[in-house]
Amino acid sequence: MMYLILAITSTITYYFYTYLSVYFLKDHAEMRSYGNISLGICMVMSSMLVLFSRQFVFETYISYLFMLLVMFISFKIIYKISSTLAAYATVRHVFYFYTVRGFVFGMYSLLSGIPIRLIASGSMSDMISFQTTCIFVIILFLMLQRYSVTTARIQALFRNTDQVLFVTVTKLSLGFYLTIVGFGSRYTANDQWFTLMYLFTCVVVMGVAAIVVANSVRSCEALEYEKQTVALQKQLDMQVKHYKSYQVYTQSFREFRHDYKNTLSTINALLRKNDYETAIHILDEMGVQMSDGLTTHPTYSNDSLLDAIMQEFANTCNNEGITFECMLYCDQTVALTELEVVRIFTNLLKNAHEATLMLPEEQRFIKVKSKLRDHWIDVMISNRFDGNYHENLESTKTTDKGSRGLGFKIVRKTIEQLGGIANWSVDGDVFKVVMNFPRDHTTEA
């Protein structure tokens, strides 16, 4: 009876751990329409794997490999994710389970005096260990998710593909090492010494894995901070250039104003003498000088920061033979911070610029336009490109990797966090990004 109760409760707790492990990705990836059904199939497959492992007395490393395979397939059919992200989630799930399992086996052996090699072969001891493992791994999972590897920190890690691969390979290697050490239990005569060594190995493996994850997350956070610093530096540079261009405009206007005052007195004297022809001639000359001498300052946006960004980008396009058109409206009803404005528009404009450079000079163009509605501001950035793109677009440049720039997916997520919408489409050889920013009229003065 006790065995049956343990079998039922251990199955339930293992299902719950699988559920937590799978739904850990819901904040980082899109679930497929049949994702919940796939999750149910995943749980059944995992149960069958555990059952077969006990029935046919599989070696630990064989069960380890089978569980990796089952969970990898499960993550791929439940979520729309890359193989790298699926591998990370798979190794995370299996690594937690097997390291806690090894720790439980070691403690059980130490307290009961039963050799580790006999725990798995005994039906009751194996079931108790499995139940304890499931409970402890759930506690560990929840504690890590709440206090250490939080959603925000794991998102920073996922934005760096190289670090994700590093953590995945390291955990996979440590897990294999632990299973190989466990396999050696049958080849040692001193069971107590092996139990202590195995327990110590479990602690070391978990400690090394924790250090690796923490270091990778810190590295990714430092990289994110560096990117933000660079973005702020670019913002400052653009605003300084914008200010200098206004200085030139203001200086030329002052010069015209000075000449205008001197000339006005002359015109006044001519009019008093009824010399209208000379006065008209001087006014005509003033008009010509004003159009030739007064520096023009095109305005691309009513927002000073956006205008500075567009001014800088217009200069870049002008130097590289790209036709650039922009009329962009924005106001305080859109809840974007200055850093978000810089990150969104500089990233998308950079992608458009790089894609346009792939074309002959006479075909290059980039257009930015906006449309004001009652509750939305619609912004569209369009550019001609060579026709090559990925359906799972990270950016408008097909050679971009996940660690370069924000990428369109990150831009989309930033806008969606505001309650907006961002989409892209292709119309022949023209690539279009459409962003819909919600307006909050309560912020209006």
Protein backbone atom coordinates (compact mmCIF):
# COMPACT_ATOMS: atom_id res chain seq x y z
CA MET A 1 0.00 0.00 0.00
CA MET A 2 2.80 2.40 0.94
CA TYR A 3 4.55 1.62 -2.34
CA LEU A 4 1.37 2.47 -4.30
CA ILE A 5 0.96 5.78 -2.44
CA LEU A 6 4.59 6.68 -3.15
CA ALA A 7 4.17 5.73 -6.81
CA ILE A 8 1.13 8.01 -7.19
CA THR A 9 2.57 10.98 -5.27
CA SER A 10 5.97 10.75 -6.97
CA THR A 11 4.27 10.71 -10.39
CA ILE A 12 2.24 13.80 -9.46
CA THR A 13 5.29 15.67 -8.16
CA TYR A 14 7.32 14.74 -11.24
CA TYR A 15 4.49 15.97 -13.46
CA PHE A 16 4.46 19.21 -11.50
CA TYR A 17 8.22 19.63 -11.95
CA THR A 18 7.86 19.00 -15.69
CA TYR A 19 5.05 21.56 -15.82
CA LEU A 20 7.18 24.18 -14.04
CA SER A 21 10.18 23.45 -16.23
CA VAL A 22 8.18 23.75 -19.46
CA TYR A 23 6.24 26.85 -18.44
CA PHE A 24 9.49 28.51 -17.42
CA LEU A 25 9.87 29.37 -21.13
CA LYS A 26 6.47 31.03 -21.55
CA ASP A 27 7.99 34.47 -20.82
CA HIS A 28 10.73 33.94 -23.38
CA ALA A 29 9.10 32.11 -26.29
CA GLU A 30 5.78 31.76 -28.07
CA MET A 31 3.80 28.60 -27.35
CA ARG A 32 2.35 26.76 -30.32
CA SER A 33 -1.42 26.46 -30.71
CA TYR A 34 -1.23 22.80 -29.69
CA GLY A 35 1.32 23.46 -26.94
CA ASN A 36 -0.83 22.29 -24.02
CA ILE A 37 -1.61 19.01 -25.79
CA SER A 38 2.10 18.56 -26.47
CA LEU A 39 2.82 19.18 -22.80
CA GLY A 40 0.44 16.36 -21.85
CA ILE A 41 2.18 14.04 -24.31
CA CYS A 42 5.54 15.14 -22.88
CA MET A 43 4.45 14.16 -19.36
CA VAL A 44 3.23 10.76 -20.52
CA MET A 45 6.49 10.12 -22.41
CA SER A 46 8.52 11.13 -19.35
CA SER A 47 6.51 8.74 -17.16
CA MET A 48 7.02 5.91 -19.63
CA LEU A 49 10.73 6.66 -19.69
CA VAL A 50 10.95 6.44 -15.90
CA LEU A 51 8.89 3.23 -15.94
CA PHE A 52 11.07 1.59 -18.59
CA SER A 53 14.23 2.70 -16.80
CA ARG A 54 13.13 0.86 -13.67
CA GLN A 55 11.66 -2.13 -15.48
CA PHE A 56 14.75 -2.83 -17.56
CA VAL A 57 17.26 -1.45 -15.01
CA PHE A 58 18.79 1.11 -17.38
CA GLU A 59 22.16 2.53 -16.46
CA THR A 60 22.01 6.11 -15.22
CA TYR A 61 23.79 7.56 -18.24
CA ILE A 62 21.35 5.79 -20.59
CA SER A 63 18.36 7.25 -18.74
CA TYR A 64 20.13 10.61 -18.80
CA LEU A 65 20.48 10.48 -22.60
CA PHE A 66 16.90 9.34 -23.13
CA MET A 67 15.52 12.08 -20.91
CA LEU A 68 17.56 14.66 -22.82
CA LEU A 69 16.11 13.40 -26.10
CA VAL A 70 12.51 13.33 -24.84
CA MET A 71 12.67 16.82 -23.33
CA PHE A 72 14.41 18.33 -26.36
CA ILE A 73 11.66 17.02 -28.66
CA SER A 74 9.04 18.21 -26.18
CA PHE A 75 10.37 21.77 -26.01
CA LYS A 76 10.59 21.96 -29.81
CA ILE A 77 6.98 20.86 -30.34
CA ILE A 78 5.58 22.96 -27.47
CA TYR A 79 7.31 26.26 -28.31
CA LYS A 80 8.42 28.12 -31.41
CA ILE A 81 12.06 28.35 -30.38
CA SER A 82 15.51 27.84 -31.80
CA SER A 83 17.42 24.62 -31.24
CA THR A 84 19.88 26.48 -29.01
CA LEU A 85 17.14 27.68 -26.67
CA ALA A 86 15.49 24.24 -26.69
CA ALA A 87 18.84 22.63 -25.80
CA TYR A 88 19.33 25.09 -22.93
CA ALA A 89 15.85 24.40 -21.51
CA THR A 90 16.36 20.64 -21.93
CA VAL A 91 19.72 20.56 -20.16
CA ARG A 92 18.36 22.83 -17.43
CA HIS A 93 15.48 20.42 -16.76
CA VAL A 94 17.57 17.23 -16.80
CA PHE A 95 20.57 18.71 -14.99
CA TYR A 96 18.50 19.91 -12.03
CA PHE A 97 16.80 16.54 -11.72
CA TYR A 98 19.94 14.38 -11.89
CA THR A 99 22.12 16.53 -9.65
CA VAL A 100 19.41 16.63 -6.96
CA ARG A 101 18.88 12.90 -7.48
CA GLY A 102 22.58 12.26 -6.90
CA PHE A 103 22.54 14.42 -3.77
CA VAL A 104 19.47 12.57 -2.42
CA PHE A 105 21.05 9.18 -3.15
CA GLY A 106 24.20 10.24 -1.33
CA MET A 107 22.33 11.52 1.73
CA TYR A 108 20.02 8.47 1.77
CA SER A 109 23.01 6.14 1.62
CA LEU A 110 24.84 8.08 4.34
CA LEU A 111 21.86 8.06 6.71
CA SER A 112 20.59 4.53 6.06
CA GLY A 113 23.90 2.76 5.50
CA ILE A 114 22.61 1.26 2.23
CA PRO A 115 25.24 1.38 -0.55
CA ILE A 116 24.33 3.69 -3.44
CA ARG A 117 24.47 0.82 -5.93
CA LEU A 118 21.69 -0.96 -4.00
CA ILE A 119 19.36 2.03 -3.57
CA ALA A 120 18.21 2.08 -7.19
CA SER A 121 17.75 -1.70 -7.27
CA GLY A 122 15.54 -1.75 -4.18
CA SER A 123 11.92 -1.00 -5.05
CA MET A 124 11.02 0.86 -1.85
CA SER A 125 14.32 2.72 -1.42
CA ASP A 126 14.26 3.73 -5.09
CA MET A 127 10.69 5.02 -4.80
CA ILE A 128 11.46 7.00 -1.63
CA SER A 129 14.53 8.52 -3.30
CA PHE A 130 12.54 9.40 -6.42
CA GLN A 131 9.78 11.07 -4.37
CA THR A 132 12.33 13.03 -2.33
CA THR A 133 14.19 14.04 -5.49
CA CYS A 134 11.01 15.42 -7.09
CA ILE A 135 10.17 17.47 -3.99
CA PHE A 136 13.68 18.88 -3.60
CA VAL A 137 14.08 19.69 -7.29
CA ILE A 138 10.79 21.63 -7.27
CA ILE A 139 11.96 23.62 -4.24
CA LEU A 140 15.34 24.28 -5.89
CA PHE A 141 13.68 25.32 -9.16
CA LEU A 142 11.33 27.79 -7.46
CA MET A 143 14.06 29.28 -5.27
CA LEU A 144 16.41 29.82 -8.22
CA GLN A 145 13.64 31.35 -10.30
CA ARG A 146 12.64 33.72 -7.50
CA TYR A 147 15.99 34.78 -6.06
CA SER A 148 18.77 34.02 -8.55
CA VAL A 149 17.91 33.31 -12.18
CA THR A 150 14.97 35.70 -12.45
CA THR A 151 13.01 36.39 -15.63
CA ALA A 152 14.81 39.68 -16.28
CA ARG A 153 18.26 38.12 -15.80
CA ILE A 154 17.49 35.09 -17.95
CA GLN A 155 16.27 37.40 -20.73
CA ALA A 156 19.65 39.11 -20.68
CA LEU A 157 21.28 35.68 -21.02
CA PHE A 158 19.01 34.64 -23.90
CA ARG A 159 20.01 37.75 -25.86
CA ASN A 160 23.55 36.38 -26.02
CA THR A 161 23.61 33.13 -28.00
CA ASP A 162 27.27 32.41 -27.23
CA GLN A 163 26.68 32.50 -23.48
CA VAL A 164 23.58 30.30 -23.81
CA LEU A 165 25.67 27.71 -25.66
CA PHE A 166 28.43 27.97 -23.06
CA VAL A 167 26.04 27.36 -20.15
CA THR A 168 24.30 24.52 -22.01
CA VAL A 169 27.51 22.67 -22.90
CA THR A 170 28.95 23.16 -19.39
CA LYS A 171 25.84 21.81 -17.66
CA LEU A 172 25.61 18.93 -20.12
CA SER A 173 29.24 18.00 -19.45
CA LEU A 174 28.82 18.24 -15.68
CA GLY A 175 25.72 16.05 -15.87
CA PHE A 176 27.56 13.39 -17.86
CA TYR A 177 30.43 13.55 -15.39
CA LEU A 178 28.03 12.96 -12.50
CA THR A 179 26.42 9.94 -14.20
CA ILE A 180 29.85 8.44 -14.94
CA VAL A 181 30.89 8.88 -11.30
CA GLY A 182 27.65 7.20 -10.22
CA PHE A 183 28.35 4.33 -12.62
CA GLY A 184 31.57 3.68 -10.71
CA SER A 185 29.72 2.70 -7.54
CA ARG A 186 29.82 -0.98 -8.50
CA TYR A 187 33.60 -0.97 -8.89
CA THR A 188 34.58 0.15 -5.42
CA ALA A 189 34.74 -2.07 -2.36
CA ASN A 190 34.48 0.75 0.18
CA ASP A 191 30.84 1.80 -0.03
CA GLN A 192 31.06 4.46 2.68
CA TRP A 193 34.03 6.14 1.00
CA PHE A 194 32.20 6.15 -2.34
CA THR A 195 29.06 7.59 -0.73
CA LEU A 196 31.01 10.51 0.72
CA MET A 197 32.89 11.03 -2.54
CA TYR A 198 29.66 10.89 -4.56
CA LEU A 199 27.93 13.32 -2.20
CA PHE A 200 30.90 15.69 -2.43
CA THR A 201 30.86 15.39 -6.23
CA CYS A 202 27.17 16.33 -6.35
CA VAL A 203 27.83 19.44 -4.27
CA VAL A 204 30.82 20.41 -6.45
CA VAL A 205 28.87 19.87 -9.68
CA MET A 206 25.95 21.99 -8.45
CA GLY A 207 28.35 24.66 -7.21
CA VAL A 208 30.27 24.83 -10.50
CA ALA A 209 27.01 24.98 -12.46
CA ALA A 210 25.75 27.81 -10.25
CA ILE A 211 29.00 29.74 -10.73
CA VAL A 212 28.87 29.24 -14.51
CA VAL A 213 25.27 30.46 -14.76
CA ALA A 214 25.88 33.42 -12.45
CA ASN A 215 29.01 34.42 -14.37
CA SER A 216 27.26 34.15 -17.74
CA VAL A 217 24.29 36.19 -16.54
CA ARG A 218 26.60 38.86 -15.10
CA SER A 219 28.54 38.97 -18.37
CA CYS A 220 25.32 39.41 -20.35
CA GLU A 221 24.09 42.11 -17.96
CA ALA A 222 27.42 43.92 -18.30
CA LEU A 223 27.14 43.70 -22.08
CA GLU A 224 23.59 45.08 -21.92
CA TYR A 225 24.82 47.92 -19.72
CA GLU A 226 27.62 48.65 -22.16
CA LYS A 227 25.14 48.73 -25.04
CA GLN A 228 22.97 51.18 -23.13
CA THR A 229 26.00 53.34 -22.38
CA VAL A 230 26.96 53.36 -26.06
CA ALA A 231 23.37 54.25 -26.97
CA LEU A 232 23.43 57.15 -24.51
CA GLN A 233 26.76 58.33 -25.92
CA LYS A 234 25.29 58.25 -29.42
CA GLN A 235 22.27 60.15 -28.17
CA LEU A 236 24.53 62.83 -26.67
CA ASP A 237 26.61 63.05 -29.87
CA MET A 238 23.46 63.46 -31.97
CA GLN A 239 22.11 66.17 -29.70
CA VAL A 240 25.45 68.03 -29.78
CA LYS A 241 25.51 67.89 -33.59
CA HIS A 242 21.89 68.99 -33.64
CA TYR A 243 22.76 71.92 -31.40
CA LYS A 244 25.73 72.91 -33.59
CA SER A 245 23.59 72.83 -36.73
CA TYR A 246 21.12 75.14 -35.00
CA GLN A 247 24.03 77.39 -34.04
CA VAL A 248 24.99 77.76 -37.71
CA TYR A 249 21.37 78.47 -38.59
CA THR A 250 21.04 81.04 -35.78
CA GLN A 251 24.32 82.75 -36.72
CA SER A 252 23.30 83.11 -40.37
CA PHE A 253 19.95 84.52 -39.25
CA ARG A 254 21.69 87.04 -36.99
CA GLU A 255 23.88 88.19 -39.87
CA PHE A 256 20.82 88.65 -42.06
CA ARG A 257 19.04 90.51 -39.29
CA HIS A 258 22.00 92.89 -38.88
CA ASP A 259 22.11 93.61 -42.62
CA TYR A 260 18.34 93.97 -42.66
CA LYS A 261 18.42 96.74 -40.04
CA ASN A 262 21.04 98.72 -41.96
CA THR A 263 19.27 98.26 -45.28
CA LEU A 264 15.87 99.16 -43.84
CA SER A 265 17.00 102.69 -42.99
CA THR A 266 18.23 103.14 -46.56
CA ILE A 267 14.93 101.92 -48.00
CA ASN A 268 13.05 104.25 -45.64
CA ALA A 269 15.06 107.23 -46.91
CA LEU A 270 14.45 106.26 -50.56
CA LEU A 271 10.72 105.96 -49.97
CA ARG A 272 10.64 109.43 -48.39
CA LYS A 273 12.30 110.73 -51.56
CA ASN A 274 9.73 108.85 -53.68
CA ASP A 275 12.56 106.82 -55.29
CA TYR A 276 10.44 103.67 -55.52
CA GLU A 277 12.42 101.94 -58.27
CA THR A 278 15.65 101.97 -56.27
CA ALA A 279 13.82 100.78 -53.15
CA ILE A 280 12.20 97.91 -55.06
CA HIS A 281 15.58 96.96 -56.55
CA ILE A 282 17.15 96.83 -53.08
CA LEU A 283 14.27 94.68 -51.76
CA ASP A 284 14.73 92.26 -54.68
CA GLU A 285 18.44 92.02 -53.91
CA MET A 286 17.65 91.34 -50.26
CA GLY A 287 15.36 88.48 -51.28
CA VAL A 288 18.10 86.91 -53.39
CA GLN A 289 20.70 87.30 -50.66
CA MET A 290 18.32 85.85 -48.07
CA SER A 291 17.65 82.72 -50.15
CA ASP A 292 21.35 82.27 -50.96
CA GLY A 293 22.96 83.24 -47.69
CA LEU A 294 20.55 82.01 -45.02
CA THR A 295 21.40 78.44 -44.06
CA THR A 296 18.44 76.11 -44.40
CA HIS A 297 17.66 73.72 -41.55
CA PRO A 298 15.27 70.94 -42.52
CA THR A 299 13.05 69.60 -39.75
CA TYR A 300 12.23 65.89 -39.73
CA SER A 301 10.27 65.66 -36.47
CA ASN A 302 8.52 67.90 -33.97
CA ASP A 303 10.34 66.01 -31.19
CA SER A 304 13.84 67.38 -30.58
CA LEU A 305 15.42 63.98 -29.85
CA LEU A 306 13.83 62.28 -32.86
CA ASP A 307 14.77 65.25 -35.02
CA ALA A 308 18.38 64.93 -33.86
CA ILE A 309 18.37 61.20 -34.71
CA MET A 310 16.89 61.84 -38.13
CA GLN A 311 19.25 64.77 -38.83
CA GLU A 312 22.25 62.56 -38.12
CA PHE A 313 20.83 59.72 -40.21
CA ALA A 314 20.00 62.10 -43.07
CA ASN A 315 23.63 63.24 -43.15
CA THR A 316 24.78 59.60 -43.31
CA CYS A 317 22.35 58.86 -46.15
CA ASN A 318 23.41 61.98 -48.03
CA ASN A 319 27.08 60.94 -47.86
CA GLU A 320 26.29 57.47 -49.24
CA GLY A 321 23.86 58.35 -51.99
CA ILE A 322 20.71 57.16 -50.22
CA THR A 323 17.48 59.06 -50.81
CA PHE A 324 16.04 59.80 -47.39
CA GLU A 325 12.57 61.16 -46.69
CA CYS A 326 11.16 61.68 -43.22
CA MET A 327 8.16 63.32 -41.60
CA LEU A 328 7.80 61.95 -38.08
CA TYR A 329 5.38 63.14 -35.43
CA CYS A 330 5.59 62.27 -31.75
CA ASP A 331 4.30 63.84 -28.53
CA GLN A 332 4.22 63.30 -24.78
CA THR A 333 1.20 60.99 -25.02
CA VAL A 334 3.54 58.17 -26.11
CA ALA A 335 5.16 56.67 -23.00
CA LEU A 336 8.64 56.12 -24.44
CA THR A 337 11.79 56.95 -22.51
CA GLU A 338 14.62 58.71 -24.32
CA LEU A 339 16.73 55.55 -24.19
CA GLU A 340 13.91 53.48 -25.70
CA VAL A 341 13.50 56.04 -28.49
CA VAL A 342 17.20 55.86 -29.30
CA ARG A 343 17.34 52.05 -29.13
CA ILE A 344 14.25 51.48 -31.29
CA PHE A 345 14.88 54.00 -34.05
CA THR A 346 18.66 53.76 -34.30
CA ASN A 347 18.44 49.97 -34.47
CA LEU A 348 15.77 49.91 -37.19
CA LEU A 349 17.42 52.72 -39.16
CA LYS A 350 20.75 50.93 -38.95
CA ASN A 351 19.17 47.75 -40.31
CA ALA A 352 17.52 49.69 -43.13
CA HIS A 353 20.80 51.46 -43.90
CA GLU A 354 22.79 48.22 -44.07
CA ALA A 355 20.16 46.55 -46.27
CA THR A 356 20.05 49.54 -48.63
CA LEU A 357 23.83 49.59 -49.06
CA MET A 358 23.58 46.17 -50.75
CA LEU A 359 21.92 47.87 -53.74
CA PRO A 360 23.25 50.12 -56.53
CA GLU A 361 23.26 53.80 -55.56
CA GLU A 362 20.40 54.77 -57.87
CA GLN A 363 18.05 52.25 -56.19
CA ARG A 364 18.69 53.26 -52.59
CA PHE A 365 15.93 54.90 -50.58
CA ILE A 366 14.65 54.99 -47.01
CA LYS A 367 11.37 56.58 -45.97
CA VAL A 368 10.04 57.33 -42.50
CA LYS A 369 6.50 58.58 -42.09
CA SER A 370 3.88 58.75 -39.36
CA LYS A 371 0.13 59.02 -39.03
CA LEU A 372 -1.65 60.54 -36.05
CA ARG A 373 -4.88 58.95 -34.83
CA ASP A 374 -7.01 59.51 -31.73
CA HIS A 375 -5.45 56.74 -29.67
CA TRP A 376 -2.46 55.70 -31.79
CA ILE A 377 0.58 57.05 -33.58
CA ASP A 378 1.52 54.87 -36.55
CA VAL A 379 5.13 54.93 -37.74
CA MET A 380 6.34 53.18 -40.89
CA ILE A 381 9.97 52.74 -41.93
CA SER A 382 10.40 51.41 -45.47
CA ASN A 383 13.49 50.73 -47.52
CA ARG A 384 14.45 48.91 -50.68
CA PHE A 385 16.54 45.75 -50.21
CA ASP A 386 17.91 42.82 -52.19
CA GLY A 387 14.97 40.51 -51.40
CA ASN A 388 16.74 38.19 -48.93
CA TYR A 389 15.23 37.81 -45.47
CA HIS A 390 14.39 35.21 -42.82
CA GLU A 391 10.83 34.41 -41.77
CA ASN A 392 11.91 34.28 -38.10
CA LEU A 393 13.34 37.74 -38.51
CA GLU A 394 15.89 38.91 -35.95
CA SER A 395 16.65 42.03 -37.98
CA THR A 396 16.35 43.30 -41.53
CA LYS A 397 19.82 42.06 -42.30
CA THR A 398 20.03 38.31 -42.88
CA THR A 399 23.63 38.04 -41.71
CA ASP A 400 22.90 39.51 -38.29
CA LYS A 401 23.30 37.16 -35.32
CA GLY A 402 21.31 37.09 -32.15
CA SER A 403 24.04 38.91 -30.19
CA ARG A 404 24.20 41.87 -32.58
CA GLY A 405 21.95 44.86 -31.96
CA LEU A 406 18.52 44.64 -30.46
CA GLY A 407 17.00 42.86 -33.44
CA PHE A 408 13.43 43.28 -34.57
CA LYS A 409 12.11 40.80 -31.99
CA ILE A 410 13.48 42.89 -29.13
CA VAL A 411 12.11 46.08 -30.71
CA ARG A 412 8.73 44.38 -31.01
CA LYS A 413 8.83 43.27 -27.37
CA THR A 414 9.72 46.80 -26.22
CA ILE A 415 6.75 48.24 -28.10
CA GLU A 416 4.38 45.48 -26.97
CA GLN A 417 5.29 46.19 -23.33
CA LEU A 418 3.80 49.65 -23.92
CA GLY A 419 0.64 48.06 -25.30
CA GLY A 420 1.67 48.76 -28.90
CA ILE A 421 2.13 46.63 -31.99
CA ALA A 422 5.12 46.13 -34.29
CA ASN A 423 5.07 44.13 -37.52
CA TRP A 424 7.11 43.80 -40.69
CA SER A 425 6.16 42.96 -44.25
CA VAL A 426 7.69 42.69 -47.70
CA ASP A 427 6.18 44.35 -50.77
CA GLY A 428 8.27 43.26 -53.74
CA ASP A 429 11.73 44.70 -53.15
CA VAL A 430 10.55 47.04 -50.38
CA PHE A 431 10.88 46.06 -46.72
CA LYS A 432 8.44 47.73 -44.32
CA VAL A 433 8.34 47.96 -40.54
CA VAL A 434 5.10 49.31 -39.06
CA MET A 435 4.93 50.36 -35.41
CA ASN A 436 1.71 51.36 -33.65
CA PHE A 437 2.35 53.35 -30.47
CA PRO A 438 -0.59 53.82 -28.06
CA ARG A 439 -1.36 57.36 -26.91
CA ASP A 440 -2.19 58.10 -23.29
CA HIS A 441 -4.22 61.33 -23.34
CA THR A 442 -4.11 61.62 -19.54
CA THR A 443 -0.48 62.77 -19.86
CA GLU A 444 -1.45 65.80 -21.95
CA ALA A 445 -1.12 69.15 -20.27
